[in-house]
């Protein structure tokens, strides 16, 4: 099994640029909220609450 190597400084810079260019957390929050509404519509309150919590986590700043 290959050993993971630490990321190069260039890779870290690219990762930061990509994360700022693509609103991944905002997308996850929006999708989680939509899925929560679907779960609620289907009568699954537990799943709806869990998805709302996931959306809340995604909306927090890191």
C-alpha atoms as a PDB file:
ATOM      1  CA  UNK A   1       0.000   0.000   0.000  1.00  0.00           C
ATOM      2  CA  UNK A   2       1.444   3.401  -0.949  1.00  0.00           C
ATOM      3  CA  UNK A   3       2.337   5.853   1.762  1.00  0.00           C
ATOM      4  CA  UNK A   4       0.677   9.261   1.693  1.00  0.00           C
ATOM      5  CA  UNK A   5       3.118  12.088   1.206  1.00  0.00           C
ATOM      6  CA  UNK A   6       2.645  15.596   2.601  1.00  0.00           C
ATOM      7  CA  UNK A   7       1.222  18.039   0.086  1.00  0.00           C
ATOM      8  CA  UNK A   8       3.617  20.452  -1.533  1.00  0.00           C
ATOM      9  CA  UNK A   9       3.238  24.187  -0.869  1.00  0.00           C
ATOM     10  CA  UNK A  10       2.044  24.562  -4.467  1.00  0.00           C
ATOM     11  CA  UNK A  11      -0.694  21.967  -3.920  1.00  0.00           C
ATOM     12  CA  UNK A  12      -1.834  23.725  -0.744  1.00  0.00           C
ATOM     13  CA  UNK A  13      -2.014  27.058  -2.599  1.00  0.00           C
ATOM     14  CA  UNK A  14      -4.042  25.457  -5.405  1.00  0.00           C
ATOM     15  CA  UNK A  15      -6.415  23.869  -2.878  1.00  0.00           C
ATOM     16  CA  UNK A  16      -7.021  27.257  -1.216  1.00  0.00           C
ATOM     17  CA  UNK A  17      -7.658  28.930  -4.578  1.00  0.00           C
ATOM     18  CA  UNK A  18     -10.049  26.183  -5.695  1.00  0.00           C
ATOM     19  CA  UNK A  19     -11.951  26.247  -2.399  1.00  0.00           C
ATOM     20  CA  UNK A  20     -12.486  29.994  -2.754  1.00  0.00           C
ATOM     21  CA  UNK A  21     -13.459  29.720  -6.435  1.00  0.00           C
ATOM     22  CA  UNK A  22     -16.089  27.044  -5.852  1.00  0.00           C
ATOM     23  CA  UNK A  23     -18.639  27.587  -3.062  1.00  0.00           C
ATOM     24  CA  UNK A  24     -18.665  23.949  -1.948  1.00  0.00           C
ATOM     25  CA  UNK A  25     -19.928  24.600   1.571  1.00  0.00           C
ATOM     26  CA  UNK A  26     -22.739  26.794   0.267  1.00  0.00           C
ATOM     27  CA  UNK A  27     -23.722  24.066  -2.183  1.00  0.00           C
ATOM     28  CA  UNK A  28     -23.723  21.422   0.565  1.00  0.00           C
ATOM     29  CA  UNK A  29     -25.855  23.658   2.784  1.00  0.00           C
ATOM     30  CA  UNK A  30     -28.383  24.319   0.027  1.00  0.00           C
ATOM     31  CA  UNK A  31     -28.612  20.659  -0.940  1.00  0.00           C
ATOM     32  CA  UNK A  32     -28.936  19.579   2.686  1.00  0.00           C
ATOM     33  CA  UNK A  33     -31.770  22.054   3.235  1.00  0.00           C
ATOM     34  CA  UNK A  34     -33.560  20.796   0.120  1.00  0.00           C
ATOM     35  CA  UNK A  35     -33.095  17.161   1.143  1.00  0.00           C
ATOM     36  CA  UNK A  36     -34.362  18.014   4.628  1.00  0.00           C
ATOM     37  CA  UNK A  37     -37.567  19.402   3.092  1.00  0.00           C
ATOM     38  CA  UNK A  38     -37.937  16.237   1.023  1.00  0.00           C
ATOM     39  CA  UNK A  39     -37.482  14.043   4.089  1.00  0.00           C
ATOM     40  CA  UNK A  40     -40.036  16.127   5.974  1.00  0.00           C
ATOM     41  CA  UNK A  41     -42.492  15.833   3.083  1.00  0.00           C
ATOM     42  CA  UNK A  42     -41.965  12.056   3.191  1.00  0.00           C
ATOM     43  CA  UNK A  43     -42.705  12.020   6.917  1.00  0.00           C
ATOM     44  CA  UNK A  44     -39.176  11.311   8.159  1.00  0.00           C
ATOM     45  CA  UNK A  45     -38.704  13.951  10.852  1.00  0.00           C
ATOM     46  CA  UNK A  46     -35.484  12.392  12.201  1.00  0.00           C
ATOM     47  CA  UNK A  47     -33.806  12.491   8.803  1.00  0.00           C
ATOM     48  CA  UNK A  48     -35.110  16.003   8.211  1.00  0.00           C
ATOM     49  CA  UNK A  49     -33.566  17.236  11.482  1.00  0.00           C
ATOM     50  CA  UNK A  50     -30.249  15.517  10.730  1.00  0.00           C
ATOM     51  CA  UNK A  51     -30.083  17.132   7.298  1.00  0.00           C
ATOM     52  CA  UNK A  52     -30.945  20.542   8.751  1.00  0.00           C
ATOM     53  CA  UNK A  53     -28.088  20.075  11.225  1.00  0.00           C
ATOM     54  CA  UNK A  54     -25.731  19.167   8.375  1.00  0.00           C
ATOM     55  CA  UNK A  55     -26.799  22.341   6.563  1.00  0.00           C
ATOM     56  CA  UNK A  56     -26.091  24.352   9.700  1.00  0.00           C
ATOM     57  CA  UNK A  57     -22.609  22.873   9.936  1.00  0.00           C
ATOM     58  CA  UNK A  58     -21.921  23.688   6.300  1.00  0.00           C
ATOM     59  CA  UNK A  59     -23.042  27.277   6.833  1.00  0.00           C
ATOM     60  CA  UNK A  60     -20.592  27.872   9.681  1.00  0.00           C
ATOM     61  CA  UNK A  61     -17.377  29.562   8.720  1.00  0.00           C
ATOM     62  CA  UNK A  62     -14.245  27.536   9.228  1.00  0.00           C
END
